[in-house]
Structure formats: C-alpha cells, structure tokens
C-alpha atoms as a PDB file:
ATOM      1  CA  MET A   1     144.585  86.745 141.995  1.00  0.00           C
ATOM      2  CA  PHE A   2     141.636  84.523 140.737  1.00  0.00           C
ATOM      3  CA  ALA A   3     143.685  81.590 141.737  1.00  0.00           C
ATOM      4  CA  ILE A   4     144.559  82.579 145.006  1.00  0.00           C
ATOM      5  CA  VAL A   5     141.025  83.874 146.196  1.00  0.00           C
ATOM      6  CA  THR A   6     139.655  80.398 144.970  1.00  0.00           C
ATOM      7  CA  LYS A   7     142.106  78.846 146.947  1.00  0.00           C
ATOM      8  CA  ILE A   8     141.427  80.532 150.140  1.00  0.00           C
ATOM      9  CA  LEU A   9     137.537  80.448 149.716  1.00  0.00           C
ATOM     10  CA  TRP A  10     137.928  76.591 149.026  1.00  0.00           C
ATOM     11  CA  LEU A  11     140.186  76.011 152.106  1.00  0.00           C
ATOM     12  CA  VAL A  12     137.210  77.603 154.263  1.00  0.00           C
ATOM     13  CA  LEU A  13     133.998  76.495 152.668  1.00  0.00           C
ATOM     14  CA  GLN A  14     134.747  72.739 151.628  1.00  0.00           C
ATOM     15  CA  PRO A  15     132.220  70.516 153.696  1.00  0.00           C
ATOM     16  CA  SER A  16     134.810  68.629 155.635  1.00  0.00           C
ATOM     17  CA  ALA A  17     136.131  72.077 156.917  1.00  0.00           C
ATOM     18  CA  LEU A  18     132.577  73.240 157.602  1.00  0.00           C
ATOM     19  CA  ILE A  19     131.748  70.172 159.560  1.00  0.00           C
ATOM     20  CA  LEU A  20     134.938  70.764 161.548  1.00  0.00           C
ATOM     21  CA  LEU A  21     134.115  74.239 162.222  1.00  0.00           C
ATOM     22  CA  ALA A  22     130.686  73.238 163.353  1.00  0.00           C
ATOM     23  CA  ILE A  23     132.197  70.743 165.927  1.00  0.00           C
ATOM     24  CA  ILE A  24     134.748  73.553 167.057  1.00  0.00           C
ATOM     25  CA  VAL A  25     131.705  75.870 167.771  1.00  0.00           C
ATOM     26  CA  ALA A  26     129.807  73.001 169.750  1.00  0.00           C
ATOM     27  CA  VAL A  27     132.668  72.529 171.670  1.00  0.00           C
ATOM     28  CA  VAL A  28     133.033  76.419 172.635  1.00  0.00           C
ATOM     29  CA  HIS A  29     129.339  76.520 173.317  1.00  0.00           C
ATOM     30  CA  ALA A  30     129.772  73.328 175.707  1.00  0.00           C
ATOM     31  CA  TRP A  31     132.676  74.840 177.642  1.00  0.00           C
ATOM     32  CA  ARG A  32     130.419  78.177 178.271  1.00  0.00           C
ATOM     33  CA  ASN A  33     127.873  75.834 179.522  1.00  0.00           C
ATOM     34  CA  ARG A  34     125.444  76.730 176.495  1.00  0.00           C
ATOM     35  CA  THR A  35     124.097  73.136 176.424  1.00  0.00           C
ATOM     36  CA  THR A  36     121.172  73.847 173.783  1.00  0.00           C
ATOM     37  CA  GLN A  37     123.386  75.607 171.295  1.00  0.00           C
ATOM     38  CA  ALA A  38     126.170  73.036 171.795  1.00  0.00           C
ATOM     39  CA  ARG A  39     123.732  70.163 171.023  1.00  0.00           C
ATOM     40  CA  ARG A  40     122.398  71.976 167.822  1.00  0.00           C
ATOM     41  CA  TRP A  41     125.589  72.417 166.367  1.00  0.00           C
ATOM     42  CA  LEU A  42     126.834  68.881 167.212  1.00  0.00           C
ATOM     43  CA  THR A  43     123.771  67.409 165.830  1.00  0.00           C
ATOM     44  CA  GLY A  44     123.924  69.427 162.635  1.00  0.00           C
ATOM     45  CA  ALA A  45     127.862  68.316 162.399  1.00  0.00           C
ATOM     46  CA  THR A  46     126.849  64.796 162.916  1.00  0.00           C
ATOM     47  CA  ILE A  47     123.878  64.664 160.345  1.00  0.00           C
ATOM     48  CA  ALA A  48     126.250  66.292 157.856  1.00  0.00           C
ATOM     49  CA  LEU A  49     128.911  63.835 158.410  1.00  0.00           C
ATOM     50  CA  LEU A  50     126.835  60.983 158.182  1.00  0.00           C
ATOM     51  CA  LEU A  51     125.100  62.349 154.826  1.00  0.00           C
ATOM     52  CA  ALA A  52     128.381  63.160 153.250  1.00  0.00           C
ATOM     53  CA  GLY A  53     130.641  60.270 154.463  1.00  0.00           C
ATOM     54  CA  PHE A  54     128.487  57.275 154.380  1.00  0.00           C
ATOM     55  CA  THR A  55     125.440  57.785 152.196  1.00  0.00           C
ATOM     56  CA  GLN A  56     125.508  57.645 148.127  1.00  0.00           C
ATOM     57  CA  LEU A  57     124.686  61.545 148.307  1.00  0.00           C
ATOM     58  CA  SER A  58     128.095  62.240 147.172  1.00  0.00           C
ATOM     59  CA  ASP A  59     127.954  59.715 144.197  1.00  0.00           C
ATOM     60  CA  ALA A  60     124.597  60.937 143.226  1.00  0.00           C
ATOM     61  CA  LEU A  61     126.003  64.516 142.764  1.00  0.00           C
ATOM     62  CA  VAL A  62     129.383  63.584 141.059  1.00  0.00           C
ATOM     63  CA  GLN A  63     127.911  61.075 138.778  1.00  0.00           C
ATOM     64  CA  PRO A  64     126.316  63.786 136.100  1.00  0.00           C
ATOM     65  CA  LEU A  65     129.675  65.373 136.090  1.00  0.00           C
ATOM     66  CA  GLU A  66     131.427  61.944 135.096  1.00  0.00           C
ATOM     67  CA  ASP A  67     128.591  61.074 132.704  1.00  0.00           C
ATOM     68  CA  ARG A  68     128.597  64.152 130.781  1.00  0.00           C
ATOM     69  CA  PHE A  69     131.387  63.363 128.363  1.00  0.00           C
ATOM     70  CA  ALA A  70     132.168  59.534 127.113  1.00  0.00           C
ATOM     71  CA  ARG A  71     135.328  58.543 125.803  1.00  0.00           C
ATOM     72  CA  PRO A  72     135.709  58.673 121.987  1.00  0.00           C
ATOM     73  CA  ASP A  73     135.951  55.837 119.410  1.00  0.00           C
ATOM     74  CA  LEU A  74     139.648  55.576 118.786  1.00  0.00           C
ATOM     75  CA  VAL A  75     139.593  52.575 116.215  1.00  0.00           C
ATOM     76  CA  ASN A  76     141.596  53.457 113.262  1.00  0.00           C
ATOM     77  CA  ALA A  77     141.985  57.114 114.771  1.00  0.00           C
ATOM     78  CA  ASN A  78     144.728  59.367 113.943  1.00  0.00           C
ATOM     79  CA  ILE A  79     145.475  61.192 117.041  1.00  0.00           C
ATOM     80  CA  THR A  80     147.666  64.280 116.940  1.00  0.00           C
ATOM     81  CA  GLY A  81     148.209  64.635 120.627  1.00  0.00           C
ATOM     82  CA  PHE A  82     147.188  64.323 124.324  1.00  0.00           C
ATOM     83  CA  ILE A  83     146.769  67.112 126.778  1.00  0.00           C
ATOM     84  CA  VAL A  84     147.154  65.710 130.349  1.00  0.00           C
ATOM     85  CA  LEU A  85     146.150  68.307 133.181  1.00  0.00           C
ATOM     86  CA  GLY A  86     148.208  68.429 136.341  1.00  0.00           C
ATOM     87  CA  GLY A  87     146.965  67.687 139.781  1.00  0.00           C
ATOM     88  CA  SER A  88     147.400  63.991 139.944  1.00  0.00           C
ATOM     89  CA  GLU A  89     151.178  64.382 141.074  1.00  0.00           C
ATOM     90  CA  VAL A  90     152.546  65.049 144.686  1.00  0.00           C
ATOM     91  CA  ALA A  91     155.464  67.360 143.526  1.00  0.00           C
ATOM     92  CA  ARG A  92     156.505  68.286 146.943  1.00  0.00           C
ATOM     93  CA  VAL A  93     157.308  64.582 147.938  1.00  0.00           C
ATOM     94  CA  ALA A  94     158.648  63.833 144.554  1.00  0.00           C
ATOM     95  CA  GLY A  95     161.188  66.609 144.581  1.00  0.00           C
ATOM     96  CA  ALA A  96     162.189  66.070 148.057  1.00  0.00           C
ATOM     97  CA  ARG A  97     162.751  62.487 147.679  1.00  0.00           C
ATOM     98  CA  ASP A  98     163.497  62.032 144.143  1.00  0.00           C
ATOM     99  CA  VAL A  99     160.824  59.422 143.464  1.00  0.00           C
ATOM    100  CA  ILE A 100     157.499  59.197 141.621  1.00  0.00           C
ATOM    101  CA  ALA A 101     154.621  60.409 143.792  1.00  0.00           C
ATOM    102  CA  VAL A 102     151.165  60.560 142.694  1.00  0.00           C
ATOM    103  CA  ASN A 103     147.785  60.998 144.403  1.00  0.00           C
ATOM    104  CA  ASP A 104     144.307  59.169 143.818  1.00  0.00           C
ATOM    105  CA  ALA A 105     144.173  60.698 140.275  1.00  0.00           C
ATOM    106  CA  GLY A 106     147.335  58.988 138.922  1.00  0.00           C
ATOM    107  CA  GLU A 107     145.269  57.116 136.207  1.00  0.00           C
ATOM    108  CA  ARG A 108     145.952  60.365 134.192  1.00  0.00           C
ATOM    109  CA  TYR A 109     149.431  59.171 133.710  1.00  0.00           C
ATOM    110  CA  ILE A 110     148.679  55.473 133.205  1.00  0.00           C
ATOM    111  CA  GLU A 111     146.060  56.495 130.743  1.00  0.00           C
ATOM    112  CA  ALA A 112     148.508  58.860 128.981  1.00  0.00           C
ATOM    113  CA  ALA A 113     151.228  56.269 128.650  1.00  0.00           C
ATOM    114  CA  ILE A 114     148.822  53.590 127.362  1.00  0.00           C
ATOM    115  CA  LEU A 115     147.723  55.936 124.639  1.00  0.00           C
ATOM    116  CA  ALA A 116     151.164  57.205 123.800  1.00  0.00           C
ATOM    117  CA  ARG A 117     152.257  53.679 123.024  1.00  0.00           C
ATOM    118  CA  ARG A 118     148.955  52.979 121.008  1.00  0.00           C
ATOM    119  CA  PHE A 119     149.719  56.044 118.970  1.00  0.00           C
ATOM    120  CA  PRO A 120     153.462  56.324 118.737  1.00  0.00           C
ATOM    121  CA  LYS A 121     153.481  59.551 116.442  1.00  0.00           C
ATOM    122  CA  SER A 122     151.156  61.508 118.904  1.00  0.00           C
ATOM    123  CA  ARG A 123     152.388  64.410 121.102  1.00  0.00           C
ATOM    124  CA  ILE A 124     151.983  64.706 124.679  1.00  0.00           C
ATOM    125  CA  VAL A 125     151.276  68.069 126.318  1.00  0.00           C
ATOM    126  CA  PHE A 126     151.459  68.352 130.085  1.00  0.00           C
ATOM    127  CA  ALA A 127     149.914  71.316 131.629  1.00  0.00           C
ATOM    128  CA  GLY A 128     150.478  72.279 135.373  1.00  0.00           C
ATOM    129  CA  GLY A 129     152.763  74.671 137.295  1.00  0.00           C
ATOM    130  CA  GLY A 130     151.637  73.886 140.987  1.00  0.00           C
ATOM    131  CA  SER A 131     149.542  75.330 143.904  1.00  0.00           C
ATOM    132  CA  ALA A 132     149.173  79.020 144.525  1.00  0.00           C
ATOM    133  CA  PHE A 133     150.418  78.636 147.979  1.00  0.00           C
ATOM    134  CA  THR A 134     153.115  75.738 148.260  1.00  0.00           C
ATOM    135  CA  ASP A 135     156.443  75.962 147.229  1.00  0.00           C
ATOM    136  CA  ALA A 136     157.233  72.775 146.282  1.00  0.00           C
ATOM    137  CA  ALA A 137     160.745  71.235 145.546  1.00  0.00           C
ATOM    138  CA  GLU A 138     159.935  70.736 141.755  1.00  0.00           C
ATOM    139  CA  THR A 139     156.809  71.982 139.597  1.00  0.00           C
ATOM    140  CA  GLU A 140     154.057  69.503 138.576  1.00  0.00           C
ATOM    141  CA  ALA A 141     155.542  69.766 134.977  1.00  0.00           C
ATOM    142  CA  LYS A 142     158.750  68.521 136.089  1.00  0.00           C
ATOM    143  CA  SER A 143     157.231  65.694 137.975  1.00  0.00           C
ATOM    144  CA  ALA A 144     155.170  64.987 135.061  1.00  0.00           C
ATOM    145  CA  ALA A 145     158.092  64.863 132.841  1.00  0.00           C
ATOM    146  CA  ARG A 146     159.821  62.359 135.215  1.00  0.00           C
ATOM    147  CA  ILE A 147     156.584  59.988 135.539  1.00  0.00           C
ATOM    148  CA  LEU A 148     156.016  59.934 131.819  1.00  0.00           C
ATOM    149  CA  ARG A 149     159.676  59.204 130.897  1.00  0.00           C
ATOM    150  CA  GLN A 150     159.808  56.310 133.302  1.00  0.00           C
ATOM    151  CA  LEU A 151     156.370  54.879 131.832  1.00  0.00           C
ATOM    152  CA  GLY A 152     158.147  54.649 128.488  1.00  0.00           C
ATOM    153  CA  VAL A 153     157.281  57.881 126.735  1.00  0.00           C
ATOM    154  CA  GLU A 154     160.169  59.375 124.794  1.00  0.00           C
ATOM    155  CA  GLN A 155     161.436  62.741 126.056  1.00  0.00           C
ATOM    156  CA  ASP A 156     161.149  64.581 122.670  1.00  0.00           C
ATOM    157  CA  ARG A 157     157.288  63.650 122.335  1.00  0.00           C
ATOM    158  CA  ILE A 158     156.676  65.691 125.799  1.00  0.00           C
ATOM    159  CA  THR A 159     155.740  69.518 125.798  1.00  0.00           C
ATOM    160  CA  LEU A 160     155.577  71.023 129.307  1.00  0.00           C
ATOM    161  CA  GLU A 161     153.517  74.034 130.299  1.00  0.00           C
ATOM    162  CA  ASP A 162     154.677  74.727 133.998  1.00  0.00           C
ATOM    163  CA  ARG A 163     153.256  78.093 134.842  1.00  0.00           C
ATOM    164  CA  SER A 164     149.628  77.307 135.277  1.00  0.00           C
ATOM    165  CA  ARG A 165     147.834  77.060 138.684  1.00  0.00           C
ATOM    166  CA  THR A 166     144.103  76.569 137.609  1.00  0.00           C
ATOM    167  CA  THR A 167     141.964  74.822 134.946  1.00  0.00           C
ATOM    168  CA  TRP A 168     141.479  78.069 133.097  1.00  0.00           C
ATOM    169  CA  GLU A 169     145.249  78.633 133.163  1.00  0.00           C
ATOM    170  CA  ASN A 170     145.911  75.069 131.931  1.00  0.00           C
ATOM    171  CA  ALA A 171     143.907  75.810 128.926  1.00  0.00           C
ATOM    172  CA  ALA A 172     145.150  79.410 128.266  1.00  0.00           C
ATOM    173  CA  PHE A 173     148.987  78.848 128.860  1.00  0.00           C
ATOM    174  CA  SER A 174     148.841  75.465 126.735  1.00  0.00           C
ATOM    175  CA  ALA A 175     147.086  76.929 123.738  1.00  0.00           C
ATOM    176  CA  PRO A 176     150.118  78.436 122.200  1.00  0.00           C
ATOM    177  CA  LEU A 177     152.039  75.345 122.822  1.00  0.00           C
ATOM    178  CA  ILE A 178     149.454  73.025 121.293  1.00  0.00           C
ATOM    179  CA  ALA A 179     149.145  75.507 118.267  1.00  0.00           C
ATOM    180  CA  ALA A 180     146.467  73.023 117.080  1.00  0.00           C
ATOM    181  CA  LYS A 181     145.948  73.285 113.118  1.00  0.00           C
ATOM    182  CA  PRO A 182     142.794  72.409 111.265  1.00  0.00           C
ATOM    183  CA  GLY A 183     142.279  68.796 111.004  1.00  0.00           C
ATOM    184  CA  GLU A 184     144.167  67.888 113.926  1.00  0.00           C
ATOM    185  CA  ARG A 185     142.736  65.733 116.767  1.00  0.00           C
ATOM    186  CA  TRP A 186     143.626  66.182 120.290  1.00  0.00           C
ATOM    187  CA  LEU A 187     142.519  64.424 123.394  1.00  0.00           C
ATOM    188  CA  LEU A 188     142.146  65.947 126.723  1.00  0.00           C
ATOM    189  CA  ILE A 189     142.847  63.828 129.778  1.00  0.00           C
ATOM    190  CA  THR A 190     141.615  64.662 133.114  1.00  0.00           C
ATOM    191  CA  SER A 191     139.411  63.503 135.951  1.00  0.00           C
ATOM    192  CA  ALA A 192     135.861  62.630 134.634  1.00  0.00           C
ATOM    193  CA  TRP A 193     134.462  64.921 137.333  1.00  0.00           C
ATOM    194  CA  GLN A 194     136.416  67.784 136.047  1.00  0.00           C
ATOM    195  CA  MET A 195     135.752  67.316 132.461  1.00  0.00           C
ATOM    196  CA  PRO A 196     132.876  69.688 131.759  1.00  0.00           C
ATOM    197  CA  ARG A 197     134.763  72.562 133.266  1.00  0.00           C
ATOM    198  CA  ALA A 198     138.042  71.632 131.524  1.00  0.00           C
ATOM    199  CA  ILE A 199     136.367  71.209 128.149  1.00  0.00           C
ATOM    200  CA  GLY A 200     134.582  74.624 128.596  1.00  0.00           C
ATOM    201  CA  ALA A 201     137.863  76.286 129.570  1.00  0.00           C
ATOM    202  CA  PHE A 202     139.790  74.896 126.387  1.00  0.00           C
ATOM    203  CA  ARG A 203     136.940  75.922 124.098  1.00  0.00           C
ATOM    204  CA  LYS A 204     137.009  79.424 125.445  1.00  0.00           C
ATOM    205  CA  ALA A 205     140.932  79.482 124.767  1.00  0.00           C
ATOM    206  CA  GLY A 206     140.250  78.483 121.258  1.00  0.00           C
ATOM    207  CA  VAL A 207     141.551  74.997 121.670  1.00  0.00           C
ATOM    208  CA  ILE A 208     139.136  72.324 120.250  1.00  0.00           C
ATOM    209  CA  VAL A 209     139.715  69.024 122.149  1.00  0.00           C
ATOM    210  CA  GLU A 210     138.098  65.849 122.468  1.00  0.00           C
ATOM    211  CA  ALA A 211     137.238  64.459 126.002  1.00  0.00           C
ATOM    212  CA  TYR A 212     139.019  61.490 127.377  1.00  0.00           C
ATOM    213  CA  PRO A 213     137.975  61.146 130.864  1.00  0.00           C
ATOM    214  CA  VAL A 214     139.687  59.060 133.530  1.00  0.00           C
ATOM    215  CA  ASP A 215     139.685  58.765 137.369  1.00  0.00           C
ATOM    216  CA  TYR A 216     136.040  57.892 137.737  1.00  0.00           C
ATOM    217  CA  ARG A 217     134.692  58.117 141.179  1.00  0.00           C
ATOM    218  CA  THR A 218     131.360  56.198 140.866  1.00  0.00           C
ATOM    219  CA  THR A 219     130.461  52.994 139.038  1.00  0.00           C
ATOM    220  CA  GLY A 220     127.809  54.807 137.055  1.00  0.00           C
ATOM    221  CA  HIS A 221     125.077  53.080 138.948  1.00  0.00           C
ATOM    222  CA  ILE A 222     123.700  54.268 142.263  1.00  0.00           C
ATOM    223  CA  ILE A 223     122.519  51.913 144.918  1.00  0.00           C
ATOM    224  CA  PRO A 224     120.772  54.159 147.626  1.00  0.00           C
ATOM    225  CA  TRP A 225     121.125  51.706 150.433  1.00  0.00           C
ATOM    226  CA  GLN A 226     124.716  50.900 149.945  1.00  0.00           C
ATOM    227  CA  LEU A 227     127.214  52.810 152.102  1.00  0.00           C
ATOM    228  CA  HIS A 228     130.517  53.985 151.661  1.00  0.00           C
ATOM    229  CA  ALA A 229     133.337  51.633 153.036  1.00  0.00           C
ATOM    230  CA  SER A 230     134.802  54.601 155.117  1.00  0.00           C
ATOM    231  CA  VAL A 231     133.615  58.023 156.040  1.00  0.00           C
ATOM    232  CA  THR A 232     136.848  59.465 154.529  1.00  0.00           C
ATOM    233  CA  ASP A 233     135.881  57.900 151.117  1.00  0.00           C
ATOM    234  CA  GLY A 234     132.315  59.393 150.896  1.00  0.00           C
ATOM    235  CA  LEU A 235     133.605  62.760 152.353  1.00  0.00           C
ATOM    236  CA  ARG A 236     136.578  63.071 149.913  1.00  0.00           C
ATOM    237  CA  THR A 237     134.192  62.589 147.023  1.00  0.00           C
ATOM    238  CA  PHE A 238     131.588  65.097 148.410  1.00  0.00           C
ATOM    239  CA  ASP A 239     134.263  67.573 148.974  1.00  0.00           C
ATOM    240  CA  THR A 240     135.374  67.239 145.411  1.00  0.00           C
ATOM    241  CA  VAL A 241     131.704  67.709 144.000  1.00  0.00           C
ATOM    242  CA  PHE A 242     130.908  70.539 146.358  1.00  0.00           C
ATOM    243  CA  ARG A 243     133.959  72.432 144.762  1.00  0.00           C
ATOM    244  CA  GLU A 244     133.163  71.390 141.244  1.00  0.00           C
ATOM    245  CA  TYR A 245     129.601  72.815 140.812  1.00  0.00           C
ATOM    246  CA  PRO A 246     130.484  76.323 142.254  1.00  0.00           C
ATOM    247  CA  ALA A 247     133.577  76.444 140.106  1.00  0.00           C
ATOM    248  CA  LEU A 248     131.610  75.713 136.863  1.00  0.00           C
ATOM    249  CA  LEU A 249     129.205  78.718 138.038  1.00  0.00           C
ATOM    250  CA  ALA A 250     132.277  80.858 138.715  1.00  0.00           C
ATOM    251  CA  TYR A 251     134.065  80.127 135.434  1.00  0.00           C
ATOM    252  CA  TRP A 252     130.972  80.691 133.538  1.00  0.00           C
ATOM    253  CA  LEU A 253     130.208  84.264 135.293  1.00  0.00           C
ATOM    254  CA  SER A 254     133.836  85.264 134.828  1.00  0.00           C
ATOM    255  CA  GLY A 255     134.103  84.184 131.163  1.00  0.00           C
ATOM    256  CA  ARG A 256     136.363  81.334 131.697  1.00  0.00           C
ATOM    257  CA  THR A 257     134.363  78.652 130.264  1.00  0.00           C
ATOM    258  CA  SER A 258     132.089  78.435 127.030  1.00  0.00           C
ATOM    259  CA  ALA A 259     128.993  77.515 128.792  1.00  0.00           C
ATOM    260  CA  LEU A 260     127.518  76.798 132.126  1.00  0.00           C
ATOM    261  CA  PHE A 261     127.493  73.252 131.838  1.00  0.00           C
ATOM    262  CA  PRO A 262     129.559  72.248 128.608  1.00  0.00           C
ATOM    263  CA  ALA A 263     128.172  69.501 126.743  1.00  0.00           C
ATOM    264  CA  PRO A 264     129.617  67.103 123.944  1.00  0.00           C
END
C-alpha cells in the first residue's frame, strides 16, 4: 500500500505535472473569459517553468544530496559484494523486444561491471522488482541479469531480488539474500541523489553498506548564471530533487530510514 500511495502522490505532485495543471487551469479561465485569473495562472506557470527548467535552482537543490556520500578508497580493498538498486532499466521495452534497455541511470550497470571485473571474487546482488502500476513483460531483476551477463559478469555471481518496488523494499527484501557476516565489506551502488535515503533504509534493515554513488546530475560546482541546455534537462532534475526531499521525510516519519538525512 505504501508503494502505491507514494506513486500516486508523485504522479500528481511532481513539478512538471503541477506546471501542466496550472496551464490547464489558465486555459479553462480563458475560455470562460476570466482574463485576470487566466493571466495569474499562466504567469505562475511560466515563472515556475523558467526557474525549474532553465536556472541552476535544480542543481543547487540536488547537489547536497549528491555530495552527502563520497566514494570509498578501494585501493587494496577486499570487497565481499555489491548491491545494485533497480530503476535504471526499462524492463517493459527490454522484455517486449528482447534487448538491453536502460534509462539515464544506466551508469549503475556500467560501474557494477567495472567493479565486478576489478574484484573477481565479489558477489553482485540486484534489488528491484518493478513498478507498482505497470505490468512489464519482465521484471527489473530479469532485465538486470541480462544486462550484467552481457557486460561480462558470470551468472553464478549474480543474486536477484525481484519483489521490491521501493527503496525500503530493496533493503528489506535483499537483506536475507545478502546475509552479511561480521568483517564483510559491501558496496551499495545507486544514483548519488538517492544515496542518503538508500543508505538509511539499508541501515534500518540491519545491513551495513558503504556508499558507491553513481549517476551524478551535477558537476559539483554551481555557476548561477549558467543555464541548462534545454528546459527538459532542468525540469527532469527538478522533478527528481522535488521528490527526494519529501521522500526522506516520509521515510523518517514512517520508520523506514535510520535518520532524517543519513550521513557517512
């Protein structure tokens, strides 16, 4: 139920949807000859679109999330395994066309394959079942296995968790599969902006992991006068960060994370 409620709220409350809703309201007012109201709604939507789509506001908000956890020093390290979180595969397309299909978070697989080659004795645990709404031709986990195998990772090193639909379920459902023992070292691979919430969820589930962030959306340096190349780039990042901060609060209030803003 938690997964379904959060998905519904996100579909309605994401900034891009709210901007579209404001434009629709403005059109309705215009058709009813309510010129003043139409102008107000359209002006508000335009300002929001400019701020979210073109300015560095989205980068300024997402950067604290990305900078929260740095990558660990892996020189002479003995790594037991890596946990790769789902969300970067397009399982609907992959299953229908029998191909590899990833979105803009595909670095999760690239980095996992690089680390798997660097640490040939390590395990790879993938956590991800799919969306709460769509009925894809195959699960995220099945797509993940296909991708990792074609990137050169041996099948017997891969463990799949294919039931989870949220970050909390990623942690809770994969914990018994990991069965971490004292002295083992596990790395968590997911997008940098998601890492604080993911680390908090795994800690709450009793799995001690080290952050290995990927899929950065910012350079780490904000230049106020620099604009995004396209409105879709900025709006996509703004949608992402607008979701993540409320998600951190919701996870903390519901007891699904170890802290409001988990730290190293």
